Amino acid sequence: MELFLDSGNLEEIDYFLDLELIKGVTTTPTILAREKNINLNQTLLDLSNRVQLLHVEALGDTSDQILTEVTKLIELGLPKETTVFKIPISNEGLKACKKLSVDGYLVNIHLTYTSQQAYMALEAGASYVCPLVGRLQDQGGDGIGLLTAIVDIKQKYNYDSKVMFSSVRNSQHVKEALSVGVDAITVPGKILNSLADHHLTSIHINQFKKDYFNWS
């Protein structure tokens, strides 16, 4: 399962890159807006130079507007081979996705909340299909059930797209993603930082240190 960091903070990204565990970084305009006093274009370039894969938003009301935004980002300097263009699910977004996929671009169709939406993204050739599990659960929906259904559809009909678990709210979501068998997950830094922790691990480490230094 590919592990992505959901972040726009360069310091946080560098920390996790140093661990050599993450496949890349996912961003949204909302995530980047949290970073104060940054130059957006320069930040995107800095991110693209740091990571294997960068998921970045390509917004537009029509397919032509989305394609124009992709062209702008490529002309800015984002590499075609390592940039995944995030497009919200819609008929116009799917049209753009189909065009981009045929032309060899990587596309993430996201903001998917139903199996039907995911099916359309799979048919459009999306590189990643991205249900927002946490947000759906916030509204009382069955996020894990949706995720399971999408994975089943992908496997049953042999689609090449990768299913990405997004909107991770807690470490339990990571466990559920592993159980369902998704291809990728994108995790906020605070949660990602906690995955290697357990109170029993800390207790035993402290005991080992105490015994070692008493012995030495």
N, C-alpha and C. Protein backbone atom coordinates (compact mmCIF):
# COMPACT_ATOMS: atom_id res chain seq x y z
N MET A 1 0.85 -1.19 0.00
CA MET A 1 0.00 0.00 0.00
C MET A 1 0.88 1.24 0.00
N GLU A 2 0.70 2.09 -1.00
CA GLU A 2 1.47 3.32 -1.09
C GLU A 2 1.07 4.28 0.04
N LEU A 3 2.07 4.87 0.69
CA LEU A 3 1.82 5.79 1.79
C LEU A 3 2.16 7.20 1.36
N PHE A 4 1.15 8.09 1.45
CA PHE A 4 1.33 9.50 1.12
C PHE A 4 1.12 10.35 2.37
N LEU A 5 1.81 11.47 2.41
CA LEU A 5 1.61 12.47 3.46
C LEU A 5 0.67 13.54 2.92
N ASP A 6 -0.38 13.83 3.67
CA ASP A 6 -1.34 14.87 3.29
C ASP A 6 -0.91 16.17 3.96
N SER A 7 -0.21 17.03 3.23
CA SER A 7 0.41 18.20 3.87
C SER A 7 0.84 19.22 2.82
N GLY A 8 1.02 20.45 3.28
CA GLY A 8 1.62 21.48 2.45
C GLY A 8 2.74 22.19 3.18
N ASN A 9 3.15 21.63 4.33
CA ASN A 9 4.17 22.23 5.16
C ASN A 9 5.53 21.63 4.82
N LEU A 10 6.44 22.45 4.33
CA LEU A 10 7.72 21.95 3.84
C LEU A 10 8.55 21.31 4.95
N GLU A 11 8.50 21.89 6.14
CA GLU A 11 9.27 21.34 7.25
C GLU A 11 8.75 19.95 7.63
N GLU A 12 7.43 19.81 7.69
CA GLU A 12 6.83 18.52 8.00
C GLU A 12 7.14 17.50 6.91
N ILE A 13 7.05 17.94 5.67
CA ILE A 13 7.33 17.04 4.54
C ILE A 13 8.78 16.57 4.57
N ASP A 14 9.71 17.47 4.84
CA ASP A 14 11.12 17.09 4.90
C ASP A 14 11.37 16.08 6.01
N TYR A 15 10.68 16.22 7.13
CA TYR A 15 10.84 15.28 8.25
C TYR A 15 10.46 13.86 7.81
N PHE A 16 9.32 13.73 7.16
CA PHE A 16 8.87 12.40 6.77
C PHE A 16 9.64 11.87 5.56
N LEU A 17 10.11 12.74 4.69
CA LEU A 17 10.97 12.29 3.60
C LEU A 17 12.26 11.71 4.15
N ASP A 18 12.76 12.27 5.23
CA ASP A 18 13.99 11.78 5.83
C ASP A 18 13.83 10.36 6.37
N LEU A 19 12.59 9.98 6.72
CA LEU A 19 12.33 8.61 7.18
C LEU A 19 12.32 7.61 6.02
N GLU A 20 12.20 8.12 4.79
CA GLU A 20 12.20 7.31 3.57
C GLU A 20 11.08 6.27 3.56
N LEU A 21 9.90 6.69 3.98
CA LEU A 21 8.75 5.79 4.03
C LEU A 21 7.61 6.22 3.11
N ILE A 22 7.51 7.51 2.79
CA ILE A 22 6.35 7.98 2.03
C ILE A 22 6.63 7.95 0.52
N LYS A 23 5.56 7.62 -0.21
CA LYS A 23 5.64 7.60 -1.67
C LYS A 23 5.59 9.01 -2.24
N GLY A 24 4.89 9.91 -1.55
CA GLY A 24 4.75 11.27 -2.04
C GLY A 24 3.87 12.09 -1.13
N VAL A 25 3.36 13.18 -1.69
CA VAL A 25 2.58 14.16 -0.93
C VAL A 25 1.31 14.49 -1.68
N THR A 26 0.20 14.61 -0.94
CA THR A 26 -1.04 15.10 -1.51
C THR A 26 -1.35 16.47 -0.93
N THR A 27 -1.88 17.35 -1.75
CA THR A 27 -2.22 18.70 -1.32
C THR A 27 -3.62 19.06 -1.79
N THR A 28 -4.16 20.10 -1.21
CA THR A 28 -5.37 20.76 -1.70
C THR A 28 -5.18 22.26 -1.52
N PRO A 29 -5.98 23.08 -2.18
CA PRO A 29 -5.91 24.52 -1.92
C PRO A 29 -6.14 24.85 -0.45
N THR A 30 -7.01 24.09 0.22
CA THR A 30 -7.29 24.33 1.64
C THR A 30 -6.06 24.05 2.50
N ILE A 31 -5.38 22.94 2.21
CA ILE A 31 -4.16 22.60 2.96
C ILE A 31 -3.10 23.68 2.76
N LEU A 32 -2.90 24.11 1.53
CA LEU A 32 -1.87 25.11 1.25
C LEU A 32 -2.23 26.47 1.84
N ALA A 33 -3.54 26.76 1.96
CA ALA A 33 -3.97 28.04 2.52
C ALA A 33 -3.63 28.15 4.00
N ARG A 34 -3.42 27.01 4.67
CA ARG A 34 -3.04 27.05 6.08
C ARG A 34 -1.62 27.55 6.29
N GLU A 35 -0.80 27.46 5.25
CA GLU A 35 0.58 27.91 5.36
C GLU A 35 0.64 29.40 5.07
N LYS A 36 1.06 30.16 6.07
CA LYS A 36 1.04 31.62 5.96
C LYS A 36 2.28 32.15 5.22
N ASN A 37 2.05 33.21 4.48
CA ASN A 37 3.14 33.95 3.83
C ASN A 37 3.99 33.07 2.91
N ILE A 38 3.31 32.25 2.11
CA ILE A 38 4.06 31.45 1.15
C ILE A 38 3.73 31.92 -0.26
N ASN A 39 4.66 31.70 -1.15
CA ASN A 39 4.43 31.90 -2.58
C ASN A 39 3.93 30.56 -3.12
N LEU A 40 2.68 30.52 -3.57
CA LEU A 40 2.06 29.27 -3.96
C LEU A 40 2.84 28.56 -5.06
N ASN A 41 3.18 29.28 -6.11
CA ASN A 41 3.88 28.65 -7.22
C ASN A 41 5.24 28.10 -6.79
N GLN A 42 5.96 28.88 -5.99
CA GLN A 42 7.27 28.43 -5.54
C GLN A 42 7.15 27.23 -4.61
N THR A 43 6.11 27.22 -3.78
CA THR A 43 5.89 26.09 -2.88
C THR A 43 5.61 24.82 -3.66
N LEU A 44 4.79 24.91 -4.70
CA LEU A 44 4.52 23.74 -5.54
C LEU A 44 5.80 23.23 -6.20
N LEU A 45 6.63 24.14 -6.68
CA LEU A 45 7.90 23.73 -7.29
C LEU A 45 8.82 23.08 -6.27
N ASP A 46 8.88 23.68 -5.08
CA ASP A 46 9.71 23.09 -4.01
C ASP A 46 9.23 21.69 -3.66
N LEU A 47 7.92 21.52 -3.58
CA LEU A 47 7.36 20.21 -3.27
C LEU A 47 7.69 19.20 -4.37
N SER A 48 7.54 19.61 -5.61
CA SER A 48 7.79 18.70 -6.72
C SER A 48 9.24 18.26 -6.78
N ASN A 49 10.14 19.10 -6.29
CA ASN A 49 11.56 18.75 -6.27
C ASN A 49 11.93 17.83 -5.11
N ARG A 50 11.01 17.70 -4.15
CA ARG A 50 11.29 16.93 -2.95
C ARG A 50 10.76 15.49 -3.01
N VAL A 51 9.65 15.28 -3.72
CA VAL A 51 8.91 14.02 -3.57
C VAL A 51 8.88 13.21 -4.86
N GLN A 52 8.61 11.90 -4.70
CA GLN A 52 8.47 11.03 -5.87
C GLN A 52 7.21 11.36 -6.67
N LEU A 53 6.10 11.58 -5.95
CA LEU A 53 4.83 11.93 -6.59
C LEU A 53 4.17 13.05 -5.81
N LEU A 54 3.69 14.06 -6.52
CA LEU A 54 2.98 15.18 -5.92
C LEU A 54 1.57 15.25 -6.50
N HIS A 55 0.57 15.13 -5.62
CA HIS A 55 -0.83 15.28 -6.04
C HIS A 55 -1.23 16.74 -5.82
N VAL A 56 -1.61 17.41 -6.90
CA VAL A 56 -1.93 18.84 -6.84
C VAL A 56 -3.23 19.11 -7.58
N GLU A 57 -4.00 20.05 -7.07
CA GLU A 57 -5.33 20.34 -7.61
C GLU A 57 -5.26 21.01 -8.98
N ALA A 58 -6.17 20.57 -9.87
CA ALA A 58 -6.37 21.23 -11.15
C ALA A 58 -7.85 21.54 -11.27
N LEU A 59 -8.24 22.76 -10.92
CA LEU A 59 -9.65 23.13 -10.83
C LEU A 59 -10.15 23.78 -12.10
N GLY A 60 -11.44 23.65 -12.33
CA GLY A 60 -12.09 24.31 -13.46
C GLY A 60 -13.53 23.84 -13.56
N ASP A 61 -14.40 24.71 -14.07
CA ASP A 61 -15.81 24.36 -14.23
C ASP A 61 -16.07 23.54 -15.48
N THR A 62 -15.16 23.63 -16.44
CA THR A 62 -15.30 22.87 -17.69
C THR A 62 -14.03 22.08 -17.92
N SER A 63 -14.14 21.09 -18.81
CA SER A 63 -12.95 20.29 -19.11
C SER A 63 -11.85 21.15 -19.70
N ASP A 64 -12.23 22.11 -20.53
CA ASP A 64 -11.22 22.99 -21.13
C ASP A 64 -10.51 23.82 -20.06
N GLN A 65 -11.25 24.30 -19.08
CA GLN A 65 -10.62 25.06 -18.00
C GLN A 65 -9.68 24.18 -17.19
N ILE A 66 -10.08 22.93 -16.95
CA ILE A 66 -9.21 22.02 -16.21
C ILE A 66 -7.93 21.74 -17.00
N LEU A 67 -8.08 21.49 -18.28
CA LEU A 67 -6.91 21.24 -19.13
C LEU A 67 -5.99 22.45 -19.18
N THR A 68 -6.59 23.64 -19.20
CA THR A 68 -5.79 24.87 -19.19
C THR A 68 -5.00 24.99 -17.90
N GLU A 69 -5.63 24.62 -16.78
CA GLU A 69 -4.95 24.67 -15.48
C GLU A 69 -3.80 23.66 -15.45
N VAL A 70 -4.01 22.48 -15.99
CA VAL A 70 -2.93 21.50 -16.06
C VAL A 70 -1.76 22.03 -16.88
N THR A 71 -2.08 22.65 -18.02
CA THR A 71 -1.03 23.23 -18.87
C THR A 71 -0.25 24.31 -18.11
N LYS A 72 -0.95 25.15 -17.35
CA LYS A 72 -0.29 26.19 -16.56
C LYS A 72 0.67 25.59 -15.55
N LEU A 73 0.24 24.51 -14.89
CA LEU A 73 1.09 23.88 -13.88
C LEU A 73 2.30 23.20 -14.51
N ILE A 74 2.12 22.62 -15.68
CA ILE A 74 3.25 22.03 -16.39
C ILE A 74 4.23 23.13 -16.82
N GLU A 75 3.69 24.22 -17.34
CA GLU A 75 4.55 25.34 -17.76
C GLU A 75 5.25 26.00 -16.58
N LEU A 76 4.64 25.91 -15.41
CA LEU A 76 5.28 26.41 -14.19
C LEU A 76 6.54 25.62 -13.88
N GLY A 77 6.55 24.36 -14.27
CA GLY A 77 7.72 23.54 -14.04
C GLY A 77 7.44 22.22 -13.33
N LEU A 78 6.16 21.91 -13.10
CA LEU A 78 5.84 20.63 -12.47
C LEU A 78 6.04 19.51 -13.50
N PRO A 79 6.81 18.49 -13.18
CA PRO A 79 7.10 17.43 -14.15
C PRO A 79 5.86 16.57 -14.44
N LYS A 80 5.64 16.29 -15.69
CA LYS A 80 4.51 15.47 -16.10
C LYS A 80 4.58 14.08 -15.48
N GLU A 81 5.79 13.53 -15.37
CA GLU A 81 5.96 12.15 -14.94
C GLU A 81 5.72 11.95 -13.45
N THR A 82 5.85 13.01 -12.65
CA THR A 82 5.76 12.86 -11.20
C THR A 82 4.67 13.72 -10.56
N THR A 83 3.82 14.31 -11.39
CA THR A 83 2.72 15.12 -10.89
C THR A 83 1.39 14.42 -11.17
N VAL A 84 0.59 14.28 -10.12
CA VAL A 84 -0.74 13.69 -10.25
C VAL A 84 -1.76 14.82 -10.11
N PHE A 85 -2.54 15.05 -11.13
CA PHE A 85 -3.47 16.17 -11.13
C PHE A 85 -4.81 15.74 -10.51
N LYS A 86 -5.16 16.39 -9.42
CA LYS A 86 -6.39 16.06 -8.69
C LYS A 86 -7.56 16.82 -9.30
N ILE A 87 -8.58 16.07 -9.70
CA ILE A 87 -9.76 16.67 -10.34
C ILE A 87 -11.00 16.19 -9.60
N PRO A 88 -11.82 17.09 -9.09
CA PRO A 88 -13.07 16.66 -8.45
C PRO A 88 -14.00 15.96 -9.44
N ILE A 89 -14.72 14.96 -8.95
CA ILE A 89 -15.61 14.18 -9.81
C ILE A 89 -16.75 15.05 -10.35
N SER A 90 -16.94 15.00 -11.65
CA SER A 90 -18.05 15.65 -12.36
C SER A 90 -17.96 15.17 -13.79
N ASN A 91 -18.98 15.41 -14.58
CA ASN A 91 -18.92 15.01 -15.98
C ASN A 91 -17.78 15.73 -16.70
N GLU A 92 -17.63 17.03 -16.42
CA GLU A 92 -16.54 17.79 -17.04
C GLU A 92 -15.19 17.32 -16.55
N GLY A 93 -15.12 16.98 -15.26
CA GLY A 93 -13.86 16.45 -14.71
C GLY A 93 -13.50 15.12 -15.33
N LEU A 94 -14.50 14.26 -15.56
CA LEU A 94 -14.26 12.97 -16.18
C LEU A 94 -13.81 13.13 -17.64
N LYS A 95 -14.39 14.10 -18.31
CA LYS A 95 -13.99 14.37 -19.69
C LYS A 95 -12.52 14.78 -19.74
N ALA A 96 -12.14 15.65 -18.82
CA ALA A 96 -10.74 16.08 -18.75
C ALA A 96 -9.83 14.91 -18.38
N CYS A 97 -10.30 14.09 -17.44
CA CYS A 97 -9.52 12.92 -17.01
C CYS A 97 -9.24 12.00 -18.19
N LYS A 98 -10.25 11.71 -18.98
CA LYS A 98 -10.10 10.82 -20.14
C LYS A 98 -9.05 11.37 -21.09
N LYS A 99 -9.13 12.65 -21.39
CA LYS A 99 -8.18 13.30 -22.29
C LYS A 99 -6.77 13.23 -21.73
N LEU A 100 -6.62 13.58 -20.46
CA LEU A 100 -5.30 13.59 -19.83
C LEU A 100 -4.71 12.19 -19.76
N SER A 101 -5.54 11.22 -19.42
CA SER A 101 -5.06 9.84 -19.30
C SER A 101 -4.56 9.31 -20.64
N VAL A 102 -5.30 9.59 -21.69
CA VAL A 102 -4.88 9.17 -23.03
C VAL A 102 -3.55 9.80 -23.40
N ASP A 103 -3.33 11.04 -22.94
CA ASP A 103 -2.10 11.76 -23.26
C ASP A 103 -0.95 11.46 -22.28
N GLY A 104 -1.17 10.50 -21.38
CA GLY A 104 -0.08 10.07 -20.52
C GLY A 104 0.08 10.81 -19.22
N TYR A 105 -0.91 11.62 -18.84
CA TYR A 105 -0.85 12.32 -17.56
C TYR A 105 -1.42 11.44 -16.45
N LEU A 106 -0.99 11.71 -15.24
CA LEU A 106 -1.52 11.03 -14.06
C LEU A 106 -2.64 11.87 -13.47
N VAL A 107 -3.76 11.22 -13.16
CA VAL A 107 -4.95 11.93 -12.68
C VAL A 107 -5.50 11.25 -11.43
N ASN A 108 -5.87 12.06 -10.46
CA ASN A 108 -6.56 11.59 -9.25
C ASN A 108 -7.97 12.17 -9.27
N ILE A 109 -8.97 11.31 -9.48
CA ILE A 109 -10.36 11.77 -9.39
C ILE A 109 -10.78 11.64 -7.93
N HIS A 110 -11.06 12.78 -7.30
CA HIS A 110 -11.34 12.75 -5.86
C HIS A 110 -12.69 13.41 -5.54
N LEU A 111 -12.98 13.48 -4.25
CA LEU A 111 -14.29 13.90 -3.75
C LEU A 111 -15.37 12.91 -4.18
N THR A 112 -15.01 11.63 -4.21
CA THR A 112 -15.98 10.59 -4.56
C THR A 112 -16.63 10.05 -3.29
N TYR A 113 -17.96 9.95 -3.33
CA TYR A 113 -18.73 9.52 -2.15
C TYR A 113 -19.69 8.36 -2.44
N THR A 114 -19.70 7.86 -3.68
CA THR A 114 -20.56 6.73 -4.03
C THR A 114 -19.81 5.77 -4.94
N SER A 115 -20.30 4.54 -4.98
CA SER A 115 -19.73 3.54 -5.89
C SER A 115 -19.91 3.95 -7.34
N GLN A 116 -21.04 4.61 -7.62
CA GLN A 116 -21.31 5.04 -8.99
C GLN A 116 -20.28 6.07 -9.45
N GLN A 117 -19.97 7.03 -8.56
CA GLN A 117 -18.95 8.02 -8.90
C GLN A 117 -17.60 7.34 -9.14
N ALA A 118 -17.26 6.41 -8.26
CA ALA A 118 -15.99 5.70 -8.41
C ALA A 118 -15.94 4.92 -9.71
N TYR A 119 -17.05 4.29 -10.07
CA TYR A 119 -17.11 3.54 -11.33
C TYR A 119 -16.84 4.45 -12.52
N MET A 120 -17.42 5.64 -12.52
CA MET A 120 -17.20 6.58 -13.61
C MET A 120 -15.73 7.00 -13.69
N ALA A 121 -15.11 7.19 -12.52
CA ALA A 121 -13.69 7.55 -12.49
C ALA A 121 -12.82 6.42 -13.03
N LEU A 122 -13.16 5.18 -12.67
CA LEU A 122 -12.44 4.02 -13.19
C LEU A 122 -12.57 3.94 -14.71
N GLU A 123 -13.78 4.16 -15.20
CA GLU A 123 -14.02 4.11 -16.65
C GLU A 123 -13.26 5.22 -17.38
N ALA A 124 -13.07 6.35 -16.71
CA ALA A 124 -12.38 7.48 -17.34
C ALA A 124 -10.87 7.31 -17.34
N GLY A 125 -10.40 6.23 -16.71
CA GLY A 125 -8.96 5.97 -16.74
C GLY A 125 -8.16 6.68 -15.68
N ALA A 126 -8.80 7.07 -14.59
CA ALA A 126 -8.08 7.76 -13.52
C ALA A 126 -6.95 6.90 -12.98
N SER A 127 -5.82 7.52 -12.71
CA SER A 127 -4.70 6.81 -12.10
C SER A 127 -5.03 6.45 -10.66
N TYR A 128 -5.71 7.37 -9.97
CA TYR A 128 -6.15 7.17 -8.59
C TYR A 128 -7.62 7.55 -8.48
N VAL A 129 -8.37 6.74 -7.76
CA VAL A 129 -9.76 7.06 -7.40
C VAL A 129 -9.77 7.24 -5.89
N CYS A 130 -10.31 8.38 -5.46
CA CYS A 130 -10.05 8.83 -4.10
C CYS A 130 -11.33 9.14 -3.32
N PRO A 131 -11.90 8.15 -2.63
CA PRO A 131 -13.04 8.43 -1.74
C PRO A 131 -12.58 9.12 -0.46
N LEU A 132 -13.37 10.06 0.01
CA LEU A 132 -13.05 10.78 1.25
C LEU A 132 -13.80 10.11 2.40
N VAL A 133 -13.17 9.13 2.98
CA VAL A 133 -13.82 8.27 3.96
C VAL A 133 -14.23 9.04 5.21
N GLY A 134 -13.31 9.79 5.78
CA GLY A 134 -13.60 10.52 7.02
C GLY A 134 -14.73 11.51 6.86
N ARG A 135 -14.74 12.23 5.76
CA ARG A 135 -15.81 13.22 5.54
C ARG A 135 -17.17 12.54 5.40
N LEU A 136 -17.18 11.40 4.74
CA LEU A 136 -18.44 10.67 4.59
C LEU A 136 -18.92 10.18 5.95
N GLN A 137 -18.01 9.67 6.77
CA GLN A 137 -18.38 9.22 8.10
C GLN A 137 -18.86 10.38 8.97
N ASP A 138 -18.29 11.55 8.78
CA ASP A 138 -18.72 12.74 9.54
C ASP A 138 -20.20 13.03 9.31
N GLN A 139 -20.69 12.65 8.13
CA GLN A 139 -22.10 12.88 7.78
C GLN A 139 -22.97 11.65 8.04
N GLY A 140 -22.40 10.67 8.74
CA GLY A 140 -23.17 9.48 9.07
C GLY A 140 -23.13 8.39 8.02
N GLY A 141 -22.30 8.54 6.99
CA GLY A 141 -22.22 7.55 5.93
C GLY A 141 -21.27 6.41 6.27
N ASP A 142 -21.37 5.34 5.51
CA ASP A 142 -20.54 4.15 5.72
C ASP A 142 -19.30 4.25 4.84
N GLY A 143 -18.30 4.94 5.35
CA GLY A 143 -17.09 5.17 4.57
C GLY A 143 -16.32 3.90 4.26
N ILE A 144 -16.22 3.01 5.24
CA ILE A 144 -15.48 1.77 5.02
C ILE A 144 -16.24 0.86 4.07
N GLY A 145 -17.56 0.86 4.17
CA GLY A 145 -18.36 0.08 3.23
C GLY A 145 -18.17 0.58 1.80
N LEU A 146 -18.12 1.89 1.64
CA LEU A 146 -17.88 2.47 0.31
C LEU A 146 -16.51 2.04 -0.21
N LEU A 147 -15.52 2.14 0.64
CA LEU A 147 -14.16 1.78 0.24
C LEU A 147 -14.09 0.31 -0.19
N THR A 148 -14.72 -0.55 0.58
CA THR A 148 -14.74 -1.97 0.25
C THR A 148 -15.42 -2.22 -1.10
N ALA A 149 -16.52 -1.52 -1.33
CA ALA A 149 -17.25 -1.68 -2.60
C ALA A 149 -16.40 -1.24 -3.78
N ILE A 150 -15.65 -0.14 -3.63
CA ILE A 150 -14.81 0.36 -4.72
C ILE A 150 -13.68 -0.62 -5.02
N VAL A 151 -13.05 -1.13 -3.99
CA VAL A 151 -11.99 -2.12 -4.18
C VAL A 151 -12.55 -3.35 -4.89
N ASP A 152 -13.74 -3.79 -4.51
CA ASP A 152 -14.37 -4.95 -5.14
C ASP A 152 -14.66 -4.70 -6.62
N ILE A 153 -15.16 -3.51 -6.94
CA ILE A 153 -15.44 -3.16 -8.33
C ILE A 153 -14.17 -3.17 -9.16
N LYS A 154 -13.12 -2.55 -8.61
CA LYS A 154 -11.84 -2.52 -9.32
C LYS A 154 -11.34 -3.91 -9.62
N GLN A 155 -11.38 -4.79 -8.63
CA GLN A 155 -10.86 -6.15 -8.79
C GLN A 155 -11.75 -7.00 -9.69
N LYS A 156 -13.06 -6.85 -9.56
CA LYS A 156 -14.00 -7.66 -10.33
C LYS A 156 -13.89 -7.37 -11.82
N TYR A 157 -13.68 -6.08 -12.16
CA TYR A 157 -13.66 -5.69 -13.57
C TYR A 157 -12.27 -5.36 -14.09
N ASN A 158 -11.25 -5.63 -13.27
CA ASN A 158 -9.84 -5.53 -13.69
C ASN A 158 -9.44 -4.13 -14.16
N TYR A 159 -9.85 -3.12 -13.40
CA TYR A 159 -9.39 -1.77 -13.70
C TYR A 159 -7.97 -1.58 -13.19
N ASP A 160 -7.22 -0.74 -13.87
CA ASP A 160 -5.83 -0.48 -13.49
C ASP A 160 -5.69 0.63 -12.46
N SER A 161 -6.73 1.40 -12.24
CA SER A 161 -6.67 2.53 -11.32
C SER A 161 -6.32 2.06 -9.91
N LYS A 162 -5.70 2.95 -9.15
CA LYS A 162 -5.41 2.68 -7.74
C LYS A 162 -6.47 3.35 -6.87
N VAL A 163 -6.94 2.63 -5.87
CA VAL A 163 -7.91 3.18 -4.92
C VAL A 163 -7.15 3.79 -3.75
N MET A 164 -7.39 5.08 -3.52
CA MET A 164 -6.69 5.81 -2.46
C MET A 164 -7.65 6.17 -1.33
N PHE A 165 -7.33 5.76 -0.12
CA PHE A 165 -8.08 6.13 1.09
C PHE A 165 -7.63 7.54 1.49
N SER A 166 -8.58 8.47 1.50
CA SER A 166 -8.26 9.84 1.91
C SER A 166 -9.21 10.30 3.00
N SER A 167 -8.95 11.47 3.55
CA SER A 167 -9.69 12.00 4.69
C SER A 167 -9.55 11.07 5.89
N VAL A 168 -8.30 10.81 6.24
CA VAL A 168 -7.98 9.95 7.38
C VAL A 168 -8.12 10.75 8.66
N ARG A 169 -8.90 10.22 9.60
CA ARG A 169 -9.20 10.93 10.84
C ARG A 169 -8.42 10.38 12.04
N ASN A 170 -7.96 9.11 11.95
CA ASN A 170 -7.31 8.49 13.10
C ASN A 170 -6.51 7.28 12.62
N SER A 171 -5.73 6.70 13.54
CA SER A 171 -4.89 5.56 13.17
C SER A 171 -5.72 4.33 12.84
N GLN A 172 -6.93 4.24 13.39
CA GLN A 172 -7.81 3.11 13.08
C GLN A 172 -8.14 3.09 11.59
N HIS A 173 -8.22 4.26 10.98
CA HIS A 173 -8.47 4.32 9.54
C HIS A 173 -7.35 3.64 8.76
N VAL A 174 -6.12 3.78 9.22
CA VAL A 174 -4.99 3.13 8.54
C VAL A 174 -5.14 1.62 8.64
N LYS A 175 -5.51 1.13 9.82
CA LYS A 175 -5.75 -0.31 10.01
C LYS A 175 -6.85 -0.80 9.08
N GLU A 176 -7.93 -0.03 8.96
CA GLU A 176 -9.04 -0.43 8.10
C GLU A 176 -8.64 -0.40 6.63
N ALA A 177 -7.82 0.56 6.26
CA ALA A 177 -7.34 0.62 4.87
C ALA A 177 -6.54 -0.63 4.52
N LEU A 178 -5.71 -1.07 5.45
CA LEU A 178 -4.92 -2.29 5.23
C LEU A 178 -5.82 -3.51 5.12
N SER A 179 -6.86 -3.55 5.93
CA SER A 179 -7.78 -4.70 5.92
C SER A 179 -8.58 -4.76 4.62
N VAL A 180 -9.03 -3.61 4.15
CA VAL A 180 -9.84 -3.57 2.93
C VAL A 180 -8.99 -3.88 1.70
N GLY A 181 -7.72 -3.48 1.72
CA GLY A 181 -6.84 -3.76 0.60
C GLY A 181 -6.75 -2.66 -0.43
N VAL A 182 -6.78 -1.39 0.03
CA VAL A 182 -6.63 -0.28 -0.90
C VAL A 182 -5.20 -0.22 -1.42
N ASP A 183 -5.01 0.50 -2.50
CA ASP A 183 -3.69 0.61 -3.11
C ASP A 183 -2.85 1.71 -2.49
N ALA A 184 -3.51 2.73 -1.93
CA ALA A 184 -2.79 3.88 -1.41
C ALA A 184 -3.60 4.54 -0.30
N ILE A 185 -2.90 5.26 0.55
CA ILE A 185 -3.56 6.03 1.60
C ILE A 185 -2.77 7.32 1.79
N THR A 186 -3.49 8.41 2.07
CA THR A 186 -2.82 9.67 2.35
C THR A 186 -3.19 10.12 3.76
N VAL A 187 -2.18 10.39 4.58
CA VAL A 187 -2.35 10.54 6.02
C VAL A 187 -1.79 11.88 6.49
N PRO A 188 -2.54 12.63 7.30
CA PRO A 188 -2.00 13.87 7.88
C PRO A 188 -0.79 13.57 8.76
N GLY A 189 0.10 14.54 8.87
CA GLY A 189 1.34 14.34 9.60
C GLY A 189 1.16 13.92 11.04
N LYS A 190 0.20 14.51 11.74
CA LYS A 190 -0.01 14.19 13.15
C LYS A 190 -0.35 12.72 13.34
N ILE A 191 -1.19 12.19 12.45
CA ILE A 191 -1.57 10.78 12.55
C ILE A 191 -0.43 9.88 12.08
N LEU A 192 0.22 10.26 10.99
CA LEU A 192 1.34 9.48 10.47
C LEU A 192 2.45 9.35 11.52
N ASN A 193 2.66 10.43 12.26
CA ASN A 193 3.72 10.44 13.27
C ASN A 193 3.41 9.49 14.43
N SER A 194 2.14 9.14 14.60
CA SER A 194 1.75 8.29 15.73
C SER A 194 1.71 6.81 15.41
N LEU A 195 1.86 6.43 14.14
CA LEU A 195 1.63 5.04 13.74
C LEU A 195 2.66 4.08 14.32
N ALA A 196 3.86 4.56 14.61
CA ALA A 196 4.89 3.69 15.17
C ALA A 196 4.85 3.66 16.70
N ASP A 197 3.89 4.35 17.30
CA ASP A 197 3.82 4.45 18.76
C ASP A 197 2.83 3.46 19.36
N HIS A 198 3.14 3.00 20.58
CA HIS A 198 2.20 2.24 21.40
C HIS A 198 2.68 2.35 22.84
N HIS A 199 1.75 2.48 23.77
CA HIS A 199 2.15 2.72 25.16
C HIS A 199 2.96 1.55 25.72
N LEU A 200 2.67 0.32 25.28
CA LEU A 200 3.45 -0.83 25.76
C LEU A 200 4.87 -0.79 25.22
N THR A 201 5.02 -0.32 23.97
CA THR A 201 6.37 -0.16 23.42
C THR A 201 7.17 0.82 24.26
N SER A 202 6.55 1.95 24.62
CA SER A 202 7.23 2.96 25.43
C SER A 202 7.61 2.42 26.80
N ILE A 203 6.71 1.66 27.42
CA ILE A 203 6.98 1.08 28.74
C ILE A 203 8.21 0.16 28.67
N HIS A 204 8.26 -0.69 27.67
CA HIS A 204 9.36 -1.65 27.56
C HIS A 204 10.67 -0.96 27.21
N ILE A 205 10.62 0.06 26.34
CA ILE A 205 11.84 0.80 26.02
C ILE A 205 12.41 1.46 27.27
N ASN A 206 11.55 2.08 28.07
CA ASN A 206 12.01 2.72 29.30
C ASN A 206 12.60 1.71 30.26
N GLN A 207 11.99 0.51 30.33
CA GLN A 207 12.53 -0.53 31.20
C GLN A 207 13.89 -1.02 30.70
N PHE A 208 14.00 -1.20 29.39
CA PHE A 208 15.28 -1.63 28.83
C PHE A 208 16.38 -0.61 29.11
N LYS A 209 16.05 0.68 28.94
CA LYS A 209 17.04 1.73 29.20
C LYS A 209 17.47 1.72 30.66
N LYS A 210 16.49 1.59 31.55
CA LYS A 210 16.79 1.57 32.99
C LYS A 210 17.70 0.39 33.33
N ASP A 211 17.36 -0.79 32.83
CA ASP A 211 18.15 -1.97 33.14
C ASP A 211 19.54 -1.89 32.51
N TYR A 212 19.61 -1.36 31.30
CA TYR A 212 20.91 -1.26 30.62
C TYR A 212 21.85 -0.33 31.38
N PHE A 213 21.37 0.86 31.74
CA PHE A 213 22.25 1.82 32.38
C PHE A 213 22.59 1.40 33.81
N ASN A 214 21.71 0.67 34.48
CA ASN A 214 22.04 0.14 35.80
C ASN A 214 23.13 -0.93 35.68
N TRP A 215 23.05 -1.73 34.60
CA TRP A 215 24.02 -2.80 34.38
C TRP A 215 25.38 -2.27 33.97
N SER A 216 25.35 -1.21 33.12
CA SER A 216 26.61 -0.68 32.58
C SER A 216 27.30 0.25 33.60
